[in-house]
Amino acid sequence: TGTLLLTPFVPAFVAGAALAKFSAGLLGMYWRTPGMHKPGSIWPTQEG
């Protein structure tokens, strides 16, 4: 993912799709892990 973003000839769509997919997985982990966000809220706790 980092290499795609740093390579100038990789189209924006391709680099962006890779970054969006990677970060969506991380945010899914954030949302599914108890204690990372305040109950009933998207806002993080200190741990999140």
ModelCIF file with pLDDT and N, C-alpha, C, O atoms, coordinates in Angstrom:
data_MODEL
#
_entry.id   MODEL 
#
_entity.id                         1 
_entity.type                       polymer 
_entity.pdbx_number_of_molecules   1 
#
_entity_poly.entity_id                      1 
_entity_poly.type                           'polypeptide(L)' 
_entity_poly.nstd_linkage                   no 
_entity_poly.nstd_monomer                   no 
_entity_poly.pdbx_seq_one_letter_code       TGTLLLTPFVPAFVAGAALAKFSAGLLGMYWRTPGMHKPGSIWPTQEG 
_entity_poly.pdbx_seq_one_letter_code_can   TGTLLLTPFVPAFVAGAALAKFSAGLLGMYWRTPGMHKPGSIWPTQEG 
_entity_poly.pdbx_strand_id                 A 
#
loop_
_entity_poly_seq.entity_id 
_entity_poly_seq.num 
_entity_poly_seq.mon_id 
_entity_poly_seq.hetero 
1 1  THR n 
1 2  GLY n 
1 3  THR n 
1 4  LEU n 
1 5  LEU n 
1 6  LEU n 
1 7  THR n 
1 8  PRO n 
1 9  PHE n 
1 10 VAL n 
1 11 PRO n 
1 12 ALA n 
1 13 PHE n 
1 14 VAL n 
1 15 ALA n 
1 16 GLY n 
1 17 ALA n 
1 18 ALA n 
1 19 LEU n 
1 20 ALA n 
1 21 LYS n 
1 22 PHE n 
1 23 SER n 
1 24 ALA n 
1 25 GLY n 
1 26 LEU n 
1 27 LEU n 
1 28 GLY n 
1 29 MET n 
1 30 TYR n 
1 31 TRP n 
1 32 ARG n 
1 33 THR n 
1 34 PRO n 
1 35 GLY n 
1 36 MET n 
1 37 HIS n 
1 38 LYS n 
1 39 PRO n 
1 40 GLY n 
1 41 SER n 
1 42 ILE n 
1 43 TRP n 
1 44 PRO n 
1 45 THR n 
1 46 GLN n 
1 47 GLU n 
1 48 GLY n 
#
_struct_asym.id          A 
_struct_asym.entity_id   1 
#
loop_
_ma_qa_metric.id 
_ma_qa_metric.mode 
_ma_qa_metric.name 
_ma_qa_metric.software_group_id 
_ma_qa_metric.type 
1 global pLDDT . pLDDT 
2 local  pLDDT . pLDDT 
#
_ma_qa_metric_global.metric_id      1 
_ma_qa_metric_global.metric_value   92.96 
_ma_qa_metric_global.model_id       1 
_ma_qa_metric_global.ordinal_id     1 
#
loop_
_ma_qa_metric_local.label_asym_id 
_ma_qa_metric_local.label_comp_id 
_ma_qa_metric_local.label_seq_id 
_ma_qa_metric_local.metric_id 
_ma_qa_metric_local.metric_value 
_ma_qa_metric_local.model_id 
_ma_qa_metric_local.ordinal_id 
A THR 1  2 96.00 1 1  
A GLY 2  2 97.00 1 2  
A THR 3  2 97.00 1 3  
A LEU 4  2 97.00 1 4  
A LEU 5  2 96.00 1 5  
A LEU 6  2 97.00 1 6  
A THR 7  2 96.00 1 7  
A PRO 8  2 94.00 1 8  
A PHE 9  2 94.00 1 9  
A VAL 10 2 95.00 1 10 
A PRO 11 2 94.00 1 11 
A ALA 12 2 94.00 1 12 
A PHE 13 2 95.00 1 13 
A VAL 14 2 96.00 1 14 
A ALA 15 2 96.00 1 15 
A GLY 16 2 96.00 1 16 
A ALA 17 2 97.00 1 17 
A ALA 18 2 96.00 1 18 
A LEU 19 2 96.00 1 19 
A ALA 20 2 96.00 1 20 
A LYS 21 2 95.00 1 21 
A PHE 22 2 93.00 1 22 
A SER 23 2 94.00 1 23 
A ALA 24 2 94.00 1 24 
A GLY 25 2 91.00 1 25 
A LEU 26 2 91.00 1 26 
A LEU 27 2 93.00 1 27 
A GLY 28 2 91.00 1 28 
A MET 29 2 90.00 1 29 
A TYR 30 2 91.00 1 30 
A TRP 31 2 90.00 1 31 
A ARG 32 2 91.00 1 32 
A THR 33 2 88.00 1 33 
A PRO 34 2 83.00 1 34 
A GLY 35 2 90.00 1 35 
A MET 36 2 91.00 1 36 
A HIS 37 2 91.00 1 37 
A LYS 38 2 93.00 1 38 
A PRO 39 2 90.00 1 39 
A GLY 40 2 89.00 1 40 
A SER 41 2 91.00 1 41 
A ILE 42 2 89.00 1 42 
A TRP 43 2 91.00 1 43 
A PRO 44 2 93.00 1 44 
A THR 45 2 94.00 1 45 
A GLN 46 2 92.00 1 46 
A GLU 47 2 89.00 1 47 
A GLY 48 2 89.00 1 48 
#
loop_
_atom_site.group_PDB 
_atom_site.id 
_atom_site.type_symbol 
_atom_site.label_atom_id 
_atom_site.label_alt_id 
_atom_site.label_comp_id 
_atom_site.label_asym_id 
_atom_site.label_entity_id 
_atom_site.label_seq_id 
_atom_site.pdbx_PDB_ins_code 
_atom_site.Cartn_x 
_atom_site.Cartn_y 
_atom_site.Cartn_z 
_atom_site.occupancy 
_atom_site.B_iso_or_equiv 
_atom_site.pdbx_formal_charge 
_atom_site.auth_seq_id 
_atom_site.auth_comp_id 
_atom_site.auth_asym_id 
_atom_site.auth_atom_id 
_atom_site.pdbx_PDB_model_num 
ATOM 1   N N  . THR A 1 1  ? 0.833   -1.202 0.000   1.00 96.00 ? 1  THR A N  1 
ATOM 2   C CA . THR A 1 1  ? 0.000   0.000  0.000   1.00 96.00 ? 1  THR A CA 1 
ATOM 3   C C  . THR A 1 1  ? 0.869   1.254  0.000   1.00 96.00 ? 1  THR A C  1 
ATOM 4   O O  . THR A 1 1  ? 0.622   2.187  -0.764  1.00 96.00 ? 1  THR A O  1 
ATOM 5   N N  . GLY A 1 2  ? 1.887   1.272  0.859   1.00 97.00 ? 2  GLY A N  1 
ATOM 6   C CA . GLY A 1 2  ? 2.787   2.427  0.896   1.00 97.00 ? 2  GLY A CA 1 
ATOM 7   C C  . GLY A 1 2  ? 3.499   2.634  -0.425  1.00 97.00 ? 2  GLY A C  1 
ATOM 8   O O  . GLY A 1 2  ? 3.650   3.768  -0.879  1.00 97.00 ? 2  GLY A O  1 
ATOM 9   N N  . THR A 1 3  ? 3.938   1.548  -1.047  1.00 97.00 ? 3  THR A N  1 
ATOM 10  C CA . THR A 1 3  ? 4.641   1.635  -2.333  1.00 97.00 ? 3  THR A CA 1 
ATOM 11  C C  . THR A 1 3  ? 3.717   2.157  -3.427  1.00 97.00 ? 3  THR A C  1 
ATOM 12  O O  . THR A 1 3  ? 4.126   2.989  -4.237  1.00 97.00 ? 3  THR A O  1 
ATOM 13  N N  . LEU A 1 4  ? 2.474   1.676  -3.459  1.00 97.00 ? 4  LEU A N  1 
ATOM 14  C CA . LEU A 1 4  ? 1.514   2.179  -4.453  1.00 97.00 ? 4  LEU A CA 1 
ATOM 15  C C  . LEU A 1 4  ? 1.318   3.687  -4.310  1.00 97.00 ? 4  LEU A C  1 
ATOM 16  O O  . LEU A 1 4  ? 1.278   4.415  -5.302  1.00 97.00 ? 4  LEU A O  1 
ATOM 17  N N  . LEU A 1 5  ? 1.196   4.142  -3.071  1.00 96.00 ? 5  LEU A N  1 
ATOM 18  C CA . LEU A 1 5  ? 0.982   5.571  -2.845  1.00 96.00 ? 5  LEU A CA 1 
ATOM 19  C C  . LEU A 1 5  ? 2.189   6.407  -3.250  1.00 96.00 ? 5  LEU A C  1 
ATOM 20  O O  . LEU A 1 5  ? 2.032   7.524  -3.742  1.00 96.00 ? 5  LEU A O  1 
ATOM 21  N N  . LEU A 1 6  ? 3.383   5.880  -3.050  1.00 97.00 ? 6  LEU A N  1 
ATOM 22  C CA . LEU A 1 6  ? 4.605   6.638  -3.320  1.00 97.00 ? 6  LEU A CA 1 
ATOM 23  C C  . LEU A 1 6  ? 5.065   6.569  -4.778  1.00 97.00 ? 6  LEU A C  1 
ATOM 24  O O  . LEU A 1 6  ? 5.934   7.339  -5.188  1.00 97.00 ? 6  LEU A O  1 
ATOM 25  N N  . THR A 1 7  ? 4.493   5.661  -5.558  1.00 96.00 ? 7  THR A N  1 
ATOM 26  C CA . THR A 1 7  ? 4.918   5.492  -6.948  1.00 96.00 ? 7  THR A CA 1 
ATOM 27  C C  . THR A 1 7  ? 4.129   6.443  -7.842  1.00 96.00 ? 7  THR A C  1 
ATOM 28  O O  . THR A 1 7  ? 2.916   6.298  -7.993  1.00 96.00 ? 7  THR A O  1 
ATOM 29  N N  . PRO A 1 8  ? 4.824   7.421  -8.436  1.00 94.00 ? 8  PRO A N  1 
ATOM 30  C CA . PRO A 1 8  ? 4.127   8.479  -9.178  1.00 94.00 ? 8  PRO A CA 1 
ATOM 31  C C  . PRO A 1 8  ? 3.264   8.001  -10.347 1.00 94.00 ? 8  PRO A C  1 
ATOM 32  O O  . PRO A 1 8  ? 2.240   8.623  -10.632 1.00 94.00 ? 8  PRO A O  1 
ATOM 33  N N  . PHE A 1 9  ? 3.640   6.921  -11.033 1.00 94.00 ? 9  PHE A N  1 
ATOM 34  C CA . PHE A 1 9  ? 2.865   6.504  -12.202 1.00 94.00 ? 9  PHE A CA 1 
ATOM 35  C C  . PHE A 1 9  ? 1.666   5.629  -11.849 1.00 94.00 ? 9  PHE A C  1 
ATOM 36  O O  . PHE A 1 9  ? 0.903   5.259  -12.742 1.00 94.00 ? 9  PHE A O  1 
ATOM 37  N N  . VAL A 1 10 ? 1.478   5.287  -10.580 1.00 95.00 ? 10 VAL A N  1 
ATOM 38  C CA . VAL A 1 10 ? 0.285   4.537  -10.171 1.00 95.00 ? 10 VAL A CA 1 
ATOM 39  C C  . VAL A 1 10 ? -0.887  5.521  -10.146 1.00 95.00 ? 10 VAL A C  1 
ATOM 40  O O  . VAL A 1 10 ? -0.821  6.542  -9.462  1.00 95.00 ? 10 VAL A O  1 
ATOM 41  N N  . PRO A 1 11 ? -1.957  5.223  -10.887 1.00 94.00 ? 11 PRO A N  1 
ATOM 42  C CA . PRO A 1 11 ? -3.088  6.148  -10.944 1.00 94.00 ? 11 PRO A CA 1 
ATOM 43  C C  . PRO A 1 11 ? -3.697  6.426  -9.570  1.00 94.00 ? 11 PRO A C  1 
ATOM 44  O O  . PRO A 1 11 ? -3.670  5.579  -8.677  1.00 94.00 ? 11 PRO A O  1 
ATOM 45  N N  . ALA A 1 12 ? -4.238  7.612  -9.427  1.00 94.00 ? 12 ALA A N  1 
ATOM 46  C CA . ALA A 1 12 ? -4.858  8.025  -8.168  1.00 94.00 ? 12 ALA A CA 1 
ATOM 47  C C  . ALA A 1 12 ? -5.938  7.041  -7.732  1.00 94.00 ? 12 ALA A C  1 
ATOM 48  O O  . ALA A 1 12 ? -6.045  6.713  -6.550  1.00 94.00 ? 12 ALA A O  1 
ATOM 49  N N  . PHE A 1 13 ? -6.737  6.573  -8.685  1.00 95.00 ? 13 PHE A N  1 
ATOM 50  C CA . PHE A 1 13 ? -7.810  5.648  -8.358  1.00 95.00 ? 13 PHE A CA 1 
ATOM 51  C C  . PHE A 1 13 ? -7.262  4.376  -7.722  1.00 95.00 ? 13 PHE A C  1 
ATOM 52  O O  . PHE A 1 13 ? -7.804  3.906  -6.721  1.00 95.00 ? 13 PHE A O  1 
ATOM 53  N N  . VAL A 1 14 ? -6.198  3.812  -8.285  1.00 96.00 ? 14 VAL A N  1 
ATOM 54  C CA . VAL A 1 14 ? -5.620  2.560  -7.789  1.00 96.00 ? 14 VAL A CA 1 
ATOM 55  C C  . VAL A 1 14 ? -5.000  2.773  -6.409  1.00 96.00 ? 14 VAL A C  1 
ATOM 56  O O  . VAL A 1 14 ? -5.259  2.005  -5.483  1.00 96.00 ? 14 VAL A O  1 
ATOM 57  N N  . ALA A 1 15 ? -4.186  3.811  -6.274  1.00 96.00 ? 15 ALA A N  1 
ATOM 58  C CA . ALA A 1 15 ? -3.547  4.092  -4.987  1.00 96.00 ? 15 ALA A CA 1 
ATOM 59  C C  . ALA A 1 15 ? -4.599  4.409  -3.926  1.00 96.00 ? 15 ALA A C  1 
ATOM 60  O O  . ALA A 1 15 ? -4.494  3.954  -2.787  1.00 96.00 ? 15 ALA A O  1 
ATOM 61  N N  . GLY A 1 16 ? -5.601  5.183  -4.299  1.00 96.00 ? 16 GLY A N  1 
ATOM 62  C CA . GLY A 1 16 ? -6.662  5.544  -3.363  1.00 96.00 ? 16 GLY A CA 1 
ATOM 63  C C  . GLY A 1 16 ? -7.499  4.353  -2.940  1.00 96.00 ? 16 GLY A C  1 
ATOM 64  O O  . GLY A 1 16 ? -7.872  4.234  -1.773  1.00 96.00 ? 16 GLY A O  1 
ATOM 65  N N  . ALA A 1 17 ? -7.797  3.465  -3.889  1.00 97.00 ? 17 ALA A N  1 
ATOM 66  C CA . ALA A 1 17 ? -8.580  2.272  -3.551  1.00 97.00 ? 17 ALA A CA 1 
ATOM 67  C C  . ALA A 1 17 ? -7.816  1.380  -2.578  1.00 97.00 ? 17 ALA A C  1 
ATOM 68  O O  . ALA A 1 17 ? -8.399  0.835  -1.640  1.00 97.00 ? 17 ALA A O  1 
ATOM 69  N N  . ALA A 1 18 ? -6.507  1.230  -2.803  1.00 96.00 ? 18 ALA A N  1 
ATOM 70  C CA . ALA A 1 18 ? -5.693  0.423  -1.883  1.00 96.00 ? 18 ALA A CA 1 
ATOM 71  C C  . ALA A 1 18 ? -5.679  1.046  -0.494  1.00 96.00 ? 18 ALA A C  1 
ATOM 72  O O  . ALA A 1 18 ? -5.838  0.345  0.506   1.00 96.00 ? 18 ALA A O  1 
ATOM 73  N N  . LEU A 1 19 ? -5.491  2.350  -0.429  1.00 96.00 ? 19 LEU A N  1 
ATOM 74  C CA . LEU A 1 19 ? -5.458  3.032  0.868   1.00 96.00 ? 19 LEU A CA 1 
ATOM 75  C C  . LEU A 1 19 ? -6.819  2.976  1.558   1.00 96.00 ? 19 LEU A C  1 
ATOM 76  O O  . LEU A 1 19 ? -6.890  2.756  2.767   1.00 96.00 ? 19 LEU A O  1 
ATOM 77  N N  . ALA A 1 20 ? -7.887  3.171  0.809   1.00 96.00 ? 20 ALA A N  1 
ATOM 78  C CA . ALA A 1 20 ? -9.230  3.133  1.395   1.00 96.00 ? 20 ALA A CA 1 
ATOM 79  C C  . ALA A 1 20 ? -9.544  1.743  1.941   1.00 96.00 ? 20 ALA A C  1 
ATOM 80  O O  . ALA A 1 20 ? -10.097 1.618  3.033   1.00 96.00 ? 20 ALA A O  1 
ATOM 81  N N  . LYS A 1 21 ? -9.200  0.715  1.203   1.00 95.00 ? 21 LYS A N  1 
ATOM 82  C CA . LYS A 1 21 ? -9.460  -0.656 1.663   1.00 95.00 ? 21 LYS A CA 1 
ATOM 83  C C  . LYS A 1 21 ? -8.650  -0.965 2.919   1.00 95.00 ? 21 LYS A C  1 
ATOM 84  O O  . LYS A 1 21 ? -9.177  -1.523 3.881   1.00 95.00 ? 21 LYS A O  1 
ATOM 85  N N  . PHE A 1 22 ? -7.384  -0.604 2.906   1.00 93.00 ? 22 PHE A N  1 
ATOM 86  C CA . PHE A 1 22 ? -6.521  -0.853 4.060   1.00 93.00 ? 22 PHE A CA 1 
ATOM 87  C C  . PHE A 1 22 ? -7.044  -0.110 5.298   1.00 93.00 ? 22 PHE A C  1 
ATOM 88  O O  . PHE A 1 22 ? -7.169  -0.702 6.370   1.00 93.00 ? 22 PHE A O  1 
ATOM 89  N N  . SER A 1 23 ? -7.344  1.165  5.150   1.00 94.00 ? 23 SER A N  1 
ATOM 90  C CA . SER A 1 23 ? -7.798  1.941  6.303   1.00 94.00 ? 23 SER A CA 1 
ATOM 91  C C  . SER A 1 23 ? -9.198  1.522  6.756   1.00 94.00 ? 23 SER A C  1 
ATOM 92  O O  . SER A 1 23 ? -9.508  1.615  7.944   1.00 94.00 ? 23 SER A O  1 
ATOM 93  N N  . ALA A 1 24 ? -10.036 1.069  5.847   1.00 94.00 ? 24 ALA A N  1 
ATOM 94  C CA . ALA A 1 24 ? -11.365 0.578  6.240   1.00 94.00 ? 24 ALA A CA 1 
ATOM 95  C C  . ALA A 1 24 ? -11.239 -0.653 7.134   1.00 94.00 ? 24 ALA A C  1 
ATOM 96  O O  . ALA A 1 24 ? -12.006 -0.816 8.083   1.00 94.00 ? 24 ALA A O  1 
ATOM 97  N N  . GLY A 1 25 ? -10.273 -1.515 6.831   1.00 91.00 ? 25 GLY A N  1 
ATOM 98  C CA . GLY A 1 25 ? -10.031 -2.674 7.692   1.00 91.00 ? 25 GLY A CA 1 
ATOM 99  C C  . GLY A 1 25 ? -9.592  -2.256 9.087   1.00 91.00 ? 25 GLY A C  1 
ATOM 100 O O  . GLY A 1 25 ? -10.019 -2.847 10.079  1.00 91.00 ? 25 GLY A O  1 
ATOM 101 N N  . LEU A 1 26 ? -8.744  -1.242 9.165   1.00 91.00 ? 26 LEU A N  1 
ATOM 102 C CA . LEU A 1 26 ? -8.298  -0.746 10.467  1.00 91.00 ? 26 LEU A CA 1 
ATOM 103 C C  . LEU A 1 26 ? -9.453  -0.111 11.242  1.00 91.00 ? 26 LEU A C  1 
ATOM 104 O O  . LEU A 1 26 ? -9.588  -0.308 12.450  1.00 91.00 ? 26 LEU A O  1 
ATOM 105 N N  . LEU A 1 27 ? -10.276 0.649  10.531  1.00 93.00 ? 27 LEU A N  1 
ATOM 106 C CA . LEU A 1 27 ? -11.419 1.282  11.198  1.00 93.00 ? 27 LEU A CA 1 
ATOM 107 C C  . LEU A 1 27 ? -12.469 0.252  11.611  1.00 93.00 ? 27 LEU A C  1 
ATOM 108 O O  . LEU A 1 27 ? -13.157 0.438  12.615  1.00 93.00 ? 27 LEU A O  1 
ATOM 109 N N  . GLY A 1 28 ? -12.596 -0.829 10.845  1.00 91.00 ? 28 GLY A N  1 
ATOM 110 C CA . GLY A 1 28 ? -13.479 -1.916 11.252  1.00 91.00 ? 28 GLY A CA 1 
ATOM 111 C C  . GLY A 1 28 ? -13.005 -2.537 12.548  1.00 91.00 ? 28 GLY A C  1 
ATOM 112 O O  . GLY A 1 28 ? -13.812 -2.868 13.416  1.00 91.00 ? 28 GLY A O  1 
ATOM 113 N N  . MET A 1 29 ? -11.701 -2.697 12.682  1.00 90.00 ? 29 MET A N  1 
ATOM 114 C CA . MET A 1 29 ? -11.127 -3.225 13.921  1.00 90.00 ? 29 MET A CA 1 
ATOM 115 C C  . MET A 1 29 ? -11.414 -2.260 15.071  1.00 90.00 ? 29 MET A C  1 
ATOM 116 O O  . MET A 1 29 ? -11.760 -2.690 16.171  1.00 90.00 ? 29 MET A O  1 
ATOM 117 N N  . TYR A 1 30 ? -11.275 -0.978 14.822  1.00 91.00 ? 30 TYR A N  1 
ATOM 118 C CA . TYR A 1 30 ? -11.581 0.045  15.828  1.00 91.00 ? 30 TYR A CA 1 
ATOM 119 C C  . TYR A 1 30 ? -13.036 -0.086 16.285  1.00 91.00 ? 30 TYR A C  1 
ATOM 120 O O  . TYR A 1 30 ? -13.317 -0.067 17.484  1.00 91.00 ? 30 TYR A O  1 
ATOM 121 N N  . TRP A 1 31 ? -13.946 -0.217 15.340  1.00 90.00 ? 31 TRP A N  1 
ATOM 122 C CA . TRP A 1 31 ? -15.367 -0.268 15.676  1.00 90.00 ? 31 TRP A CA 1 
ATOM 123 C C  . TRP A 1 31 ? -15.741 -1.559 16.399  1.00 90.00 ? 31 TRP A C  1 
ATOM 124 O O  . TRP A 1 31 ? -16.616 -1.548 17.265  1.00 90.00 ? 31 TRP A O  1 
ATOM 125 N N  . ARG A 1 32 ? -15.091 -2.668 16.055  1.00 91.00 ? 32 ARG A N  1 
ATOM 126 C CA . ARG A 1 32 ? -15.449 -3.968 16.624  1.00 91.00 ? 32 ARG A CA 1 
ATOM 127 C C  . ARG A 1 32 ? -14.746 -4.282 17.949  1.00 91.00 ? 32 ARG A C  1 
ATOM 128 O O  . ARG A 1 32 ? -15.104 -5.246 18.625  1.00 91.00 ? 32 ARG A O  1 
ATOM 129 N N  . THR A 1 33 ? -13.766 -3.487 18.315  1.00 88.00 ? 33 THR A N  1 
ATOM 130 C CA . THR A 1 33 ? -13.010 -3.777 19.535  1.00 88.00 ? 33 THR A CA 1 
ATOM 131 C C  . THR A 1 33 ? -13.606 -3.009 20.702  1.00 88.00 ? 33 THR A C  1 
ATOM 132 O O  . THR A 1 33 ? -13.601 -1.778 20.711  1.00 88.00 ? 33 THR A O  1 
ATOM 133 N N  . PRO A 1 34 ? -14.122 -3.741 21.693  1.00 83.00 ? 34 PRO A N  1 
ATOM 134 C CA . PRO A 1 34 ? -14.714 -3.070 22.859  1.00 83.00 ? 34 PRO A CA 1 
ATOM 135 C C  . PRO A 1 34 ? -13.680 -2.179 23.558  1.00 83.00 ? 34 PRO A C  1 
ATOM 136 O O  . PRO A 1 34 ? -12.510 -2.536 23.695  1.00 83.00 ? 34 PRO A O  1 
ATOM 137 N N  . GLY A 1 35 ? -14.146 -1.039 23.981  1.00 90.00 ? 35 GLY A N  1 
ATOM 138 C CA . GLY A 1 35 ? -13.291 -0.121 24.723  1.00 90.00 ? 35 GLY A CA 1 
ATOM 139 C C  . GLY A 1 35 ? -12.548 0.880  23.865  1.00 90.00 ? 35 GLY A C  1 
ATOM 140 O O  . GLY A 1 35 ? -11.919 1.795  24.398  1.00 90.00 ? 35 GLY A O  1 
ATOM 141 N N  . MET A 1 36 ? -12.602 0.732  22.548  1.00 91.00 ? 36 MET A N  1 
ATOM 142 C CA . MET A 1 36 ? -11.903 1.696  21.692  1.00 91.00 ? 36 MET A CA 1 
ATOM 143 C C  . MET A 1 36 ? -12.741 2.938  21.405  1.00 91.00 ? 36 MET A C  1 
ATOM 144 O O  . MET A 1 36 ? -12.207 4.008  21.114  1.00 91.00 ? 36 MET A O  1 
ATOM 145 N N  . HIS A 1 37 ? -14.060 2.779  21.489  1.00 91.00 ? 37 HIS A N  1 
ATOM 146 C CA . HIS A 1 37 ? -14.916 3.949  21.303  1.00 91.00 ? 37 HIS A CA 1 
ATOM 147 C C  . HIS A 1 37 ? -15.954 3.985  22.407  1.00 91.00 ? 37 HIS A C  1 
ATOM 148 O O  . HIS A 1 37 ? -16.274 2.968  23.022  1.00 91.00 ? 37 HIS A O  1 
ATOM 149 N N  . LYS A 1 38 ? -16.467 5.171  22.641  1.00 93.00 ? 38 LYS A N  1 
ATOM 150 C CA . LYS A 1 38 ? -17.465 5.351  23.699  1.00 93.00 ? 38 LYS A CA 1 
ATOM 151 C C  . LYS A 1 38 ? -18.733 4.592  23.317  1.00 93.00 ? 38 LYS A C  1 
ATOM 152 O O  . LYS A 1 38 ? -19.115 4.585  22.146  1.00 93.00 ? 38 LYS A O  1 
ATOM 153 N N  . PRO A 1 39 ? -19.389 3.957  24.280  1.00 90.00 ? 39 PRO A N  1 
ATOM 154 C CA . PRO A 1 39 ? -20.599 3.177  23.986  1.00 90.00 ? 39 PRO A CA 1 
ATOM 155 C C  . PRO A 1 39 ? -21.646 4.009  23.233  1.00 90.00 ? 39 PRO A C  1 
ATOM 156 O O  . PRO A 1 39 ? -21.990 5.118  23.641  1.00 90.00 ? 39 PRO A O  1 
ATOM 157 N N  . GLY A 1 40 ? -22.135 3.451  22.137  1.00 89.00 ? 40 GLY A N  1 
ATOM 158 C CA . GLY A 1 40 ? -23.163 4.119  21.347  1.00 89.00 ? 40 GLY A CA 1 
ATOM 159 C C  . GLY A 1 40 ? -22.660 5.334  20.586  1.00 89.00 ? 40 GLY A C  1 
ATOM 160 O O  . GLY A 1 40 ? -23.464 6.148  20.130  1.00 89.00 ? 40 GLY A O  1 
ATOM 161 N N  . SER A 1 41 ? -21.351 5.476  20.439  1.00 91.00 ? 41 SER A N  1 
ATOM 162 C CA . SER A 1 41 ? -20.778 6.648  19.807  1.00 91.00 ? 41 SER A CA 1 
ATOM 163 C C  . SER A 1 41 ? -19.628 6.236  18.883  1.00 91.00 ? 41 SER A C  1 
ATOM 164 O O  . SER A 1 41 ? -19.016 5.184  19.068  1.00 91.00 ? 41 SER A O  1 
ATOM 165 N N  . ILE A 1 42 ? -19.349 7.072  17.897  1.00 89.00 ? 42 ILE A N  1 
ATOM 166 C CA . ILE A 1 42 ? -18.187 6.839  17.043  1.00 89.00 ? 42 ILE A CA 1 
ATOM 167 C C  . ILE A 1 42 ? -16.918 7.409  17.668  1.00 89.00 ? 42 ILE A C  1 
ATOM 168 O O  . ILE A 1 42 ? -15.817 7.089  17.219  1.00 89.00 ? 42 ILE A O  1 
ATOM 169 N N  . TRP A 1 43 ? -17.047 8.231  18.674  1.00 91.00 ? 43 TRP A N  1 
ATOM 170 C CA . TRP A 1 43 ? -15.904 8.947  19.239  1.00 91.00 ? 43 TRP A CA 1 
ATOM 171 C C  . TRP A 1 43 ? -15.038 8.023  20.087  1.00 91.00 ? 43 TRP A C  1 
ATOM 172 O O  . TRP A 1 43 ? -15.542 7.199  20.851  1.00 91.00 ? 43 TRP A O  1 
ATOM 173 N N  . PRO A 1 44 ? -13.719 8.178  19.936  1.00 93.00 ? 44 PRO A N  1 
ATOM 174 C CA . PRO A 1 44 ? -12.803 7.250  20.608  1.00 93.00 ? 44 PRO A CA 1 
ATOM 175 C C  . PRO A 1 44 ? -12.664 7.483  22.099  1.00 93.00 ? 44 PRO A C  1 
ATOM 176 O O  . PRO A 1 44 ? -12.852 8.588  22.607  1.00 93.00 ? 44 PRO A O  1 
ATOM 177 N N  . THR A 1 45 ? -12.327 6.399  22.780  1.00 94.00 ? 45 THR A N  1 
ATOM 178 C CA . THR A 1 45 ? -11.855 6.498  24.158  1.00 94.00 ? 45 THR A CA 1 
ATOM 179 C C  . THR A 1 45 ? -10.348 6.760  24.059  1.00 94.00 ? 45 THR A C  1 
ATOM 180 O O  . THR A 1 45 ? -9.795  6.802  22.960  1.00 94.00 ? 45 THR A O  1 
ATOM 181 N N  . GLN A 1 46 ? -9.699  6.931  25.187  1.00 92.00 ? 46 GLN A N  1 
ATOM 182 C CA . GLN A 1 46 ? -8.246  7.115  25.174  1.00 92.00 ? 46 GLN A CA 1 
ATOM 183 C C  . GLN A 1 46 ? -7.557  5.913  24.528  1.00 92.00 ? 46 GLN A C  1 
ATOM 184 O O  . GLN A 1 46 ? -6.574  6.071  23.803  1.00 92.00 ? 46 GLN A O  1 
ATOM 185 N N  . GLU A 1 47 ? -8.076  4.708  24.793  1.00 89.00 ? 47 GLU A N  1 
ATOM 186 C CA . GLU A 1 47 ? -7.487  3.490  24.224  1.00 89.00 ? 47 GLU A CA 1 
ATOM 187 C C  . GLU A 1 47 ? -7.660  3.413  22.709  1.00 89.00 ? 47 GLU A C  1 
ATOM 188 O O  . GLU A 1 47 ? -6.845  2.796  22.023  1.00 89.00 ? 47 GLU A O  1 
ATOM 189 N N  . GLY A 1 48 ? -8.696  4.023  22.195  1.00 89.00 ? 48 GLY A N  1 
ATOM 190 C CA . GLY A 1 48 ? -8.979  3.946  20.764  1.00 89.00 ? 48 GLY A CA 1 
ATOM 191 C C  . GLY A 1 48 ? -8.408  5.080  19.940  1.00 89.00 ? 48 GLY A C  1 
ATOM 192 O O  . GLY A 1 48 ? -8.588  5.110  18.722  1.00 89.00 ? 48 GLY A O  1 
#
